[in-house]
Amino acid sequence: MNPWRILAFLTLALHLAWLAWILLGWLVTRRRPLLRWLHILSLLWGILISVFPWTCPLTYAEMYFERRAGITPFERSFLEHYVELLVYPNVPPRLLMGSAIAVCALILGIYIRRYVRKADGAW
């Protein structure tokens, strides 16, 4: 099997793991300050990458490996290319990005709520 194709697949898997971390990381951060701050920074990165016309470094890596493997790389963001095709067909990209921002903001709200209620030591 082509090693570039394997690297492209591994980058895709890492990208999916990153999305899972952003969505579910708050479940494992209680009483773990280092993980909590890493997750908050990840959420902020997720918001920034959705708001500004930036491309995620993992997307660049995946596209590079696909080109080297002889696969035509996708031209849109990771969310637009994979998530929209699999989960939300025919959804406008702005709605998809807006939903991603809303989810990240909601999770940040969970952290704010934990901080406000930190008297119980669970922040």
C-alpha atoms as a PDB file:
ATOM      1  CA  MET A   1       0.000   0.000   0.000  1.00  0.00           C
ATOM      2  CA  ASN A   2       1.135   3.528  -0.747  1.00  0.00           C
ATOM      3  CA  PRO A   3       2.777   5.106   2.356  1.00  0.00           C
ATOM      4  CA  TRP A   4       1.429   8.549   1.409  1.00  0.00           C
ATOM      5  CA  ARG A   5      -2.111   7.163   1.400  1.00  0.00           C
ATOM      6  CA  ILE A   6      -1.493   5.695   4.860  1.00  0.00           C
ATOM      7  CA  LEU A   7      -0.204   9.053   6.097  1.00  0.00           C
ATOM      8  CA  ALA A   8      -3.274  10.789   4.641  1.00  0.00           C
ATOM      9  CA  PHE A   9      -5.529   8.299   6.434  1.00  0.00           C
ATOM     10  CA  LEU A  10      -3.639   8.713   9.708  1.00  0.00           C
ATOM     11  CA  THR A  11      -3.941  12.491   9.407  1.00  0.00           C
ATOM     12  CA  LEU A  12      -7.675  12.103   8.833  1.00  0.00           C
ATOM     13  CA  ALA A  13      -7.901   9.910  11.953  1.00  0.00           C
ATOM     14  CA  LEU A  14      -5.956  12.506  13.949  1.00  0.00           C
ATOM     15  CA  HIS A  15      -8.312  15.210  12.688  1.00  0.00           C
ATOM     16  CA  LEU A  16     -11.333  13.181  13.820  1.00  0.00           C
ATOM     17  CA  ALA A  17      -9.688  12.608  17.214  1.00  0.00           C
ATOM     18  CA  TRP A  18      -9.116  16.362  17.469  1.00  0.00           C
ATOM     19  CA  LEU A  19     -12.814  17.014  16.807  1.00  0.00           C
ATOM     20  CA  ALA A  20     -13.762  14.426  19.436  1.00  0.00           C
ATOM     21  CA  TRP A  21     -11.424  16.154  21.918  1.00  0.00           C
ATOM     22  CA  ILE A  22     -13.047  19.529  21.198  1.00  0.00           C
ATOM     23  CA  LEU A  23     -16.561  18.120  21.577  1.00  0.00           C
ATOM     24  CA  LEU A  24     -16.022  15.776  24.522  1.00  0.00           C
ATOM     25  CA  GLY A  25     -12.880  16.997  26.292  1.00  0.00           C
ATOM     26  CA  TRP A  26     -14.908  18.829  28.925  1.00  0.00           C
ATOM     27  CA  LEU A  27     -16.032  15.435  30.236  1.00  0.00           C
ATOM     28  CA  VAL A  28     -12.505  14.521  31.378  1.00  0.00           C
ATOM     29  CA  THR A  29     -11.156  17.875  32.573  1.00  0.00           C
ATOM     30  CA  ARG A  30     -12.775  18.151  35.993  1.00  0.00           C
ATOM     31  CA  ARG A  31     -10.069  18.435  38.681  1.00  0.00           C
ATOM     32  CA  ARG A  32      -7.386  18.238  35.967  1.00  0.00           C
ATOM     33  CA  PRO A  33      -6.102  21.792  35.522  1.00  0.00           C
ATOM     34  CA  LEU A  34      -3.631  21.026  32.727  1.00  0.00           C
ATOM     35  CA  LEU A  35      -6.235  19.182  30.641  1.00  0.00           C
ATOM     36  CA  ARG A  36      -8.788  21.885  31.387  1.00  0.00           C
ATOM     37  CA  TRP A  37      -6.566  24.671  30.054  1.00  0.00           C
ATOM     38  CA  LEU A  38      -5.503  22.608  27.053  1.00  0.00           C
ATOM     39  CA  HIS A  39      -9.165  21.998  26.261  1.00  0.00           C
ATOM     40  CA  ILE A  40     -10.087  25.667  26.678  1.00  0.00           C
ATOM     41  CA  LEU A  41      -7.254  26.622  24.312  1.00  0.00           C
ATOM     42  CA  SER A  42      -8.464  23.936  21.875  1.00  0.00           C
ATOM     43  CA  LEU A  43     -11.980  25.396  21.991  1.00  0.00           C
ATOM     44  CA  LEU A  44     -10.652  28.880  21.333  1.00  0.00           C
ATOM     45  CA  TRP A  45      -8.619  27.529  18.397  1.00  0.00           C
ATOM     46  CA  GLY A  46     -11.776  25.830  17.076  1.00  0.00           C
ATOM     47  CA  ILE A  47     -13.651  29.124  17.224  1.00  0.00           C
ATOM     48  CA  LEU A  48     -10.825  31.105  15.609  1.00  0.00           C
ATOM     49  CA  ILE A  49     -10.337  28.607  12.783  1.00  0.00           C
ATOM     50  CA  SER A  50     -14.087  28.792  12.074  1.00  0.00           C
ATOM     51  CA  VAL A  51     -14.403  32.584  12.264  1.00  0.00           C
ATOM     52  CA  PHE A  52     -11.342  33.570  10.264  1.00  0.00           C
ATOM     53  CA  PRO A  53     -10.460  32.329   6.774  1.00  0.00           C
ATOM     54  CA  TRP A  54      -7.637  30.169   8.105  1.00  0.00           C
ATOM     55  CA  THR A  55      -6.953  26.566   7.245  1.00  0.00           C
ATOM     56  CA  CYS A  56      -6.158  24.050   9.953  1.00  0.00           C
ATOM     57  CA  PRO A  57      -2.602  22.673   9.779  1.00  0.00           C
ATOM     58  CA  LEU A  58      -4.039  19.148   9.815  1.00  0.00           C
ATOM     59  CA  THR A  59      -6.024  19.981   6.689  1.00  0.00           C
ATOM     60  CA  TYR A  60      -2.841  21.170   4.973  1.00  0.00           C
ATOM     61  CA  ALA A  61      -1.054  17.979   6.015  1.00  0.00           C
ATOM     62  CA  GLU A  62      -3.865  15.758   4.771  1.00  0.00           C
ATOM     63  CA  MET A  63      -3.999  17.573   1.436  1.00  0.00           C
ATOM     64  CA  TYR A  64      -0.213  17.277   1.067  1.00  0.00           C
ATOM     65  CA  PHE A  65      -0.278  13.524   1.734  1.00  0.00           C
ATOM     66  CA  GLU A  66      -3.211  13.040  -0.645  1.00  0.00           C
ATOM     67  CA  ARG A  67      -1.363  14.872  -3.432  1.00  0.00           C
ATOM     68  CA  ARG A  68       1.731  12.732  -2.846  1.00  0.00           C
ATOM     69  CA  ALA A  69      -0.471   9.607  -2.967  1.00  0.00           C
ATOM     70  CA  GLY A  70      -1.947  10.678  -6.306  1.00  0.00           C
ATOM     71  CA  ILE A  71      -5.364  11.500  -4.809  1.00  0.00           C
ATOM     72  CA  THR A  72      -7.030  14.770  -5.738  1.00  0.00           C
ATOM     73  CA  PRO A  73      -7.248  16.651  -2.426  1.00  0.00           C
ATOM     74  CA  PHE A  74     -10.392  18.411  -1.336  1.00  0.00           C
ATOM     75  CA  GLU A  75     -10.502  22.191  -1.672  1.00  0.00           C
ATOM     76  CA  ARG A  76     -12.729  23.127   1.279  1.00  0.00           C
ATOM     77  CA  SER A  77     -12.285  22.965   5.030  1.00  0.00           C
ATOM     78  CA  PHE A  78     -12.229  19.639   6.852  1.00  0.00           C
ATOM     79  CA  LEU A  79     -15.705  20.242   8.298  1.00  0.00           C
ATOM     80  CA  GLU A  80     -17.181  21.176   4.951  1.00  0.00           C
ATOM     81  CA  HIS A  81     -15.592  18.250   3.164  1.00  0.00           C
ATOM     82  CA  TYR A  82     -16.131  15.344   5.546  1.00  0.00           C
ATOM     83  CA  VAL A  83     -18.715  16.245   8.151  1.00  0.00           C
ATOM     84  CA  GLU A  84     -21.061  17.950   5.736  1.00  0.00           C
ATOM     85  CA  LEU A  85     -20.900  15.089   3.261  1.00  0.00           C
ATOM     86  CA  LEU A  86     -21.419  12.413   5.903  1.00  0.00           C
ATOM     87  CA  VAL A  87     -23.741  14.017   8.406  1.00  0.00           C
ATOM     88  CA  TYR A  88     -25.228  17.208   6.978  1.00  0.00           C
ATOM     89  CA  PRO A  89     -25.644  16.960   3.217  1.00  0.00           C
ATOM     90  CA  ASN A  90     -26.693  20.173   1.459  1.00  0.00           C
ATOM     91  CA  VAL A  91     -26.122  22.416   4.487  1.00  0.00           C
ATOM     92  CA  PRO A  92     -24.675  25.837   3.682  1.00  0.00           C
ATOM     93  CA  PRO A  93     -21.052  26.110   4.869  1.00  0.00           C
ATOM     94  CA  ARG A  94     -21.813  29.257   6.891  1.00  0.00           C
ATOM     95  CA  LEU A  95     -24.483  27.374   8.855  1.00  0.00           C
ATOM     96  CA  LEU A  96     -22.084  24.507   9.475  1.00  0.00           C
ATOM     97  CA  MET A  97     -19.345  26.866  10.703  1.00  0.00           C
ATOM     98  CA  GLY A  98     -21.859  28.811  12.792  1.00  0.00           C
ATOM     99  CA  SER A  99     -22.972  25.578  14.422  1.00  0.00           C
ATOM    100  CA  ALA A 100     -19.368  24.646  15.179  1.00  0.00           C
ATOM    101  CA  ILE A 101     -18.810  28.034  16.810  1.00  0.00           C
ATOM    102  CA  ALA A 102     -22.022  27.680  18.818  1.00  0.00           C
ATOM    103  CA  VAL A 103     -20.995  24.251  20.118  1.00  0.00           C
ATOM    104  CA  CYS A 104     -17.554  25.550  21.150  1.00  0.00           C
ATOM    105  CA  ALA A 105     -19.168  28.566  22.847  1.00  0.00           C
ATOM    106  CA  LEU A 106     -21.598  26.275  24.678  1.00  0.00           C
ATOM    107  CA  ILE A 107     -18.725  24.170  25.998  1.00  0.00           C
ATOM    108  CA  LEU A 108     -16.889  27.336  27.062  1.00  0.00           C
ATOM    109  CA  GLY A 109     -20.102  28.220  28.908  1.00  0.00           C
ATOM    110  CA  ILE A 110     -19.797  24.943  30.809  1.00  0.00           C
ATOM    111  CA  TYR A 111     -16.339  26.021  31.957  1.00  0.00           C
ATOM    112  CA  ILE A 112     -17.619  29.437  32.981  1.00  0.00           C
ATOM    113  CA  ARG A 113     -20.402  27.795  34.983  1.00  0.00           C
ATOM    114  CA  ARG A 114     -17.874  25.488  36.662  1.00  0.00           C
ATOM    115  CA  TYR A 115     -15.680  28.468  37.497  1.00  0.00           C
ATOM    116  CA  VAL A 116     -18.572  30.428  38.997  1.00  0.00           C
ATOM    117  CA  ARG A 117     -19.506  27.418  41.103  1.00  0.00           C
ATOM    118  CA  LYS A 118     -15.875  26.614  42.007  1.00  0.00           C
ATOM    119  CA  ALA A 119     -16.669  26.759  45.718  1.00  0.00           C
ATOM    120  CA  ASP A 120     -17.308  23.014  45.508  1.00  0.00           C
ATOM    121  CA  GLY A 121     -13.733  22.505  44.256  1.00  0.00           C
ATOM    122  CA  ALA A 122     -14.827  20.905  40.987  1.00  0.00           C
ATOM    123  CA  TRP A 123     -13.650  23.620  38.542  1.00  0.00           C
END
